[in-house]
Amino acid sequence: MVGSSSRPEGGDVKDSDKAPAPTWPPLGLTVAEAAEVLRCDRKAVLTAIAEKGLPAVKVGRGFRVDYDALKAWVARGQAPASGADAEAPDEDA
């Protein structure tokens, strides 16, 4: 039969046939997603990972940052300054 499908008659889809709903936050945020959460650029997140203790896991060529770990890191006051409120670094230091 042309156009036949594995669905039962009536076209109803069982709950078990549905794809699981995506969860937010995902298990690990990409650097770009972490930058969106922090409202900073990707370079600031990469610097935070390399130099400021932001916990991250290397996955392939990139990093993944756990959302809860990111929130805890921000709560400890270690998030990068960004936007108009950010102070320029002292060049003499």
N, C-alpha and C. Protein backbone atom coordinates (compact mmCIF):
# COMPACT_ATOMS: atom_id res chain seq x y z
N MET A 1 0.84 -1.17 0.00
CA MET A 1 0.00 0.00 0.00
C MET A 1 0.89 1.24 0.00
N VAL A 2 0.62 2.18 -0.87
CA VAL A 2 1.40 3.40 -0.97
C VAL A 2 1.02 4.33 0.17
N GLY A 3 2.04 4.91 0.82
CA GLY A 3 1.78 5.87 1.89
C GLY A 3 1.40 5.24 3.21
N SER A 4 1.61 3.95 3.35
CA SER A 4 1.27 3.33 4.63
C SER A 4 2.28 3.74 5.69
N SER A 5 1.84 3.75 6.92
CA SER A 5 2.73 4.09 8.03
C SER A 5 2.55 3.09 9.14
N SER A 6 3.42 3.20 10.12
CA SER A 6 3.33 2.27 11.25
C SER A 6 2.38 2.77 12.33
N ARG A 7 1.71 3.89 12.09
CA ARG A 7 0.75 4.40 13.07
C ARG A 7 -0.50 3.54 13.07
N PRO A 8 -1.12 3.43 14.24
CA PRO A 8 -2.39 2.69 14.30
C PRO A 8 -3.46 3.45 13.52
N GLU A 9 -4.53 2.73 13.16
CA GLU A 9 -5.62 3.39 12.44
C GLU A 9 -6.11 4.58 13.24
N GLY A 10 -6.49 5.62 12.54
CA GLY A 10 -6.95 6.82 13.21
C GLY A 10 -5.82 7.84 13.36
N GLY A 11 -4.57 7.42 13.11
CA GLY A 11 -3.45 8.34 13.14
C GLY A 11 -2.99 8.76 14.52
N ASP A 12 -3.49 8.12 15.57
CA ASP A 12 -3.08 8.49 16.92
C ASP A 12 -1.63 8.08 17.17
N VAL A 13 -0.90 8.94 17.85
CA VAL A 13 0.48 8.65 18.20
C VAL A 13 0.53 8.35 19.68
N LYS A 14 1.09 7.19 20.03
CA LYS A 14 1.21 6.82 21.43
C LYS A 14 2.26 7.70 22.10
N ASP A 15 2.11 7.90 23.41
CA ASP A 15 3.10 8.67 24.17
C ASP A 15 4.48 8.06 24.03
N SER A 16 4.57 6.75 23.95
CA SER A 16 5.87 6.09 23.86
C SER A 16 6.54 6.35 22.51
N ASP A 17 5.77 6.78 21.50
CA ASP A 17 6.33 7.06 20.18
C ASP A 17 6.86 8.49 20.07
N LYS A 18 6.52 9.34 21.02
CA LYS A 18 6.95 10.73 20.98
C LYS A 18 8.38 10.87 21.46
N ALA A 19 9.09 11.81 20.86
CA ALA A 19 10.46 12.10 21.31
C ALA A 19 10.38 12.80 22.66
N PRO A 20 11.34 12.54 23.54
CA PRO A 20 11.30 13.21 24.84
C PRO A 20 11.47 14.72 24.68
N ALA A 21 10.79 15.46 25.52
CA ALA A 21 10.88 16.92 25.46
C ALA A 21 12.28 17.35 25.87
N PRO A 22 12.85 18.33 25.16
CA PRO A 22 14.18 18.80 25.56
C PRO A 22 14.11 19.44 26.94
N THR A 23 15.18 19.32 27.68
CA THR A 23 15.22 19.89 29.02
C THR A 23 16.02 21.18 29.01
N TRP A 24 15.65 22.10 29.85
CA TRP A 24 16.43 23.32 30.02
C TRP A 24 16.73 23.46 31.48
N PRO A 25 17.86 23.73 31.87
CA PRO A 25 19.01 23.86 30.98
C PRO A 25 19.52 22.50 30.57
N PRO A 26 20.18 22.44 29.42
CA PRO A 26 20.75 21.16 29.01
C PRO A 26 21.84 20.73 29.98
N LEU A 27 22.24 19.49 29.88
CA LEU A 27 23.25 18.95 30.80
C LEU A 27 24.51 19.80 30.80
N GLY A 28 24.94 20.25 29.65
CA GLY A 28 26.13 21.10 29.57
C GLY A 28 25.92 22.20 28.56
N LEU A 29 26.10 23.44 28.98
CA LEU A 29 25.97 24.58 28.08
C LEU A 29 27.23 24.69 27.23
N THR A 30 27.06 25.07 25.97
CA THR A 30 28.22 25.38 25.15
C THR A 30 28.79 26.71 25.63
N VAL A 31 29.97 27.06 25.14
CA VAL A 31 30.57 28.34 25.51
C VAL A 31 29.65 29.49 25.07
N ALA A 32 29.08 29.39 23.88
CA ALA A 32 28.17 30.43 23.39
C ALA A 32 26.93 30.55 24.27
N GLU A 33 26.36 29.40 24.70
CA GLU A 33 25.18 29.43 25.57
C GLU A 33 25.53 30.01 26.94
N ALA A 34 26.69 29.65 27.48
CA ALA A 34 27.12 30.21 28.76
C ALA A 34 27.31 31.71 28.64
N ALA A 35 27.84 32.16 27.49
CA ALA A 35 28.01 33.60 27.26
C ALA A 35 26.66 34.31 27.23
N GLU A 36 25.66 33.67 26.64
CA GLU A 36 24.31 34.25 26.63
C GLU A 36 23.77 34.37 28.05
N VAL A 37 23.94 33.33 28.84
CA VAL A 37 23.46 33.35 30.23
C VAL A 37 24.14 34.48 31.01
N LEU A 38 25.45 34.62 30.81
CA LEU A 38 26.23 35.63 31.53
C LEU A 38 26.12 37.02 30.89
N ARG A 39 25.57 37.07 29.68
CA ARG A 39 25.49 38.32 28.91
C ARG A 39 26.87 38.94 28.70
N CYS A 40 27.76 38.09 28.20
CA CYS A 40 29.11 38.53 27.87
C CYS A 40 29.50 37.85 26.56
N ASP A 41 30.71 38.06 26.09
CA ASP A 41 31.11 37.41 24.85
C ASP A 41 31.79 36.07 25.13
N ARG A 42 31.95 35.29 24.07
CA ARG A 42 32.53 33.95 24.19
C ARG A 42 33.94 34.00 24.75
N LYS A 43 34.70 35.03 24.36
CA LYS A 43 36.08 35.15 24.81
C LYS A 43 36.14 35.28 26.33
N ALA A 44 35.19 36.01 26.92
CA ALA A 44 35.16 36.16 28.38
C ALA A 44 34.91 34.82 29.06
N VAL A 45 34.06 33.99 28.47
CA VAL A 45 33.79 32.67 29.04
C VAL A 45 35.03 31.79 28.92
N LEU A 46 35.69 31.81 27.77
CA LEU A 46 36.89 31.01 27.60
C LEU A 46 37.99 31.46 28.56
N THR A 47 38.11 32.76 28.78
CA THR A 47 39.08 33.28 29.75
C THR A 47 38.71 32.82 31.16
N ALA A 48 37.41 32.84 31.47
CA ALA A 48 36.95 32.40 32.79
C ALA A 48 37.28 30.93 33.01
N ILE A 49 37.14 30.13 31.97
CA ILE A 49 37.47 28.70 32.08
C ILE A 49 38.97 28.52 32.29
N ALA A 50 39.76 29.23 31.51
CA ALA A 50 41.21 29.04 31.53
C ALA A 50 41.89 29.67 32.74
N GLU A 51 41.38 30.83 33.19
CA GLU A 51 42.12 31.59 34.19
C GLU A 51 41.37 31.90 35.49
N LYS A 52 40.05 31.75 35.49
CA LYS A 52 39.29 32.21 36.65
C LYS A 52 38.49 31.11 37.34
N GLY A 53 38.78 29.87 36.99
CA GLY A 53 38.19 28.76 37.72
C GLY A 53 36.77 28.38 37.38
N LEU A 54 36.25 28.84 36.23
CA LEU A 54 34.91 28.40 35.83
C LEU A 54 34.97 26.92 35.48
N PRO A 55 34.22 26.07 36.20
CA PRO A 55 34.28 24.63 35.93
C PRO A 55 33.72 24.32 34.54
N ALA A 56 34.45 23.54 33.78
CA ALA A 56 34.02 23.14 32.44
C ALA A 56 34.64 21.80 32.09
N VAL A 57 34.00 21.11 31.16
CA VAL A 57 34.48 19.82 30.69
C VAL A 57 34.79 19.95 29.21
N LYS A 58 35.96 19.47 28.80
CA LYS A 58 36.35 19.48 27.40
C LYS A 58 35.58 18.39 26.67
N VAL A 59 34.84 18.75 25.64
CA VAL A 59 34.09 17.80 24.82
C VAL A 59 34.47 18.06 23.37
N GLY A 60 35.20 17.14 22.79
CA GLY A 60 35.68 17.35 21.42
C GLY A 60 36.61 18.55 21.39
N ARG A 61 36.31 19.51 20.52
CA ARG A 61 37.13 20.71 20.42
C ARG A 61 36.61 21.85 21.29
N GLY A 62 35.47 21.65 21.93
CA GLY A 62 34.86 22.71 22.74
C GLY A 62 34.74 22.34 24.19
N PHE A 63 34.06 23.19 24.92
CA PHE A 63 33.83 22.97 26.35
C PHE A 63 32.33 22.92 26.61
N ARG A 64 31.96 22.28 27.70
CA ARG A 64 30.58 22.30 28.20
C ARG A 64 30.65 22.77 29.64
N VAL A 65 29.73 23.67 29.99
CA VAL A 65 29.67 24.24 31.32
C VAL A 65 28.35 23.84 31.95
N ASP A 66 28.41 23.20 33.11
CA ASP A 66 27.20 22.80 33.81
C ASP A 66 26.47 24.04 34.31
N TYR A 67 25.16 24.11 34.06
CA TYR A 67 24.38 25.29 34.41
C TYR A 67 24.42 25.56 35.91
N ASP A 68 24.26 24.54 36.73
CA ASP A 68 24.28 24.73 38.18
C ASP A 68 25.65 25.19 38.66
N ALA A 69 26.71 24.65 38.06
CA ALA A 69 28.06 25.08 38.41
C ALA A 69 28.28 26.53 38.00
N LEU A 70 27.72 26.92 36.86
CA LEU A 70 27.83 28.31 36.40
C LEU A 70 27.12 29.25 37.39
N LYS A 71 25.92 28.86 37.82
CA LYS A 71 25.19 29.69 38.80
C LYS A 71 25.98 29.81 40.10
N ALA A 72 26.56 28.71 40.57
CA ALA A 72 27.34 28.74 41.81
C ALA A 72 28.57 29.62 41.65
N TRP A 73 29.21 29.55 40.49
CA TRP A 73 30.40 30.35 40.21
C TRP A 73 30.05 31.84 40.22
N VAL A 74 28.91 32.18 39.64
CA VAL A 74 28.44 33.57 39.64
C VAL A 74 28.12 34.01 41.07
N ALA A 75 27.46 33.13 41.83
CA ALA A 75 27.09 33.46 43.21
C ALA A 75 28.33 33.73 44.07
N ARG A 76 29.44 33.09 43.75
CA ARG A 76 30.69 33.34 44.48
C ARG A 76 31.34 34.65 44.06
N GLY A 77 30.74 35.34 43.10
CA GLY A 77 31.26 36.64 42.67
C GLY A 77 32.41 36.57 41.70
N GLN A 78 32.48 35.49 40.94
CA GLN A 78 33.61 35.32 40.04
C GLN A 78 33.25 35.55 38.57
N ALA A 79 32.03 35.98 38.28
CA ALA A 79 31.62 36.17 36.89
C ALA A 79 32.33 37.35 36.27
N PRO A 80 32.59 37.29 34.95
CA PRO A 80 33.25 38.40 34.29
C PRO A 80 32.35 39.62 34.22
N ALA A 81 32.93 40.79 34.38
CA ALA A 81 32.17 42.03 34.23
C ALA A 81 31.89 42.23 32.75
N SER A 82 30.71 42.73 32.42
CA SER A 82 30.38 42.97 31.02
C SER A 82 29.42 44.15 30.92
N GLY A 83 29.26 44.64 29.72
CA GLY A 83 28.31 45.71 29.46
C GLY A 83 28.81 47.06 29.93
N ALA A 84 27.89 48.00 30.05
CA ALA A 84 28.23 49.38 30.40
C ALA A 84 28.73 49.50 31.83
N ASP A 85 28.37 48.55 32.71
CA ASP A 85 28.79 48.61 34.10
C ASP A 85 30.22 48.12 34.31
N ALA A 86 30.80 47.52 33.29
CA ALA A 86 32.14 46.96 33.43
C ALA A 86 33.18 48.07 33.47
N GLU A 87 34.14 47.89 34.38
CA GLU A 87 35.23 48.86 34.45
C GLU A 87 36.35 48.41 33.55
N ALA A 88 37.05 49.36 32.96
CA ALA A 88 38.20 49.03 32.13
C ALA A 88 39.32 48.54 33.04
N PRO A 89 40.08 47.54 32.60
CA PRO A 89 41.18 47.07 33.44
C PRO A 89 42.24 48.14 33.59
N ASP A 90 42.90 48.14 34.74
CA ASP A 90 43.95 49.11 35.01
C ASP A 90 45.19 48.73 34.21
N GLU A 91 45.62 49.58 33.32
CA GLU A 91 46.74 49.28 32.44
C GLU A 91 48.07 49.27 33.18
N ASP A 92 48.14 49.97 34.34
CA ASP A 92 49.41 50.07 35.08
C ASP A 92 49.64 48.88 36.00
N ALA A 93 48.63 48.07 36.22
CA ALA A 93 48.76 46.97 37.19
C ALA A 93 49.57 45.84 36.65
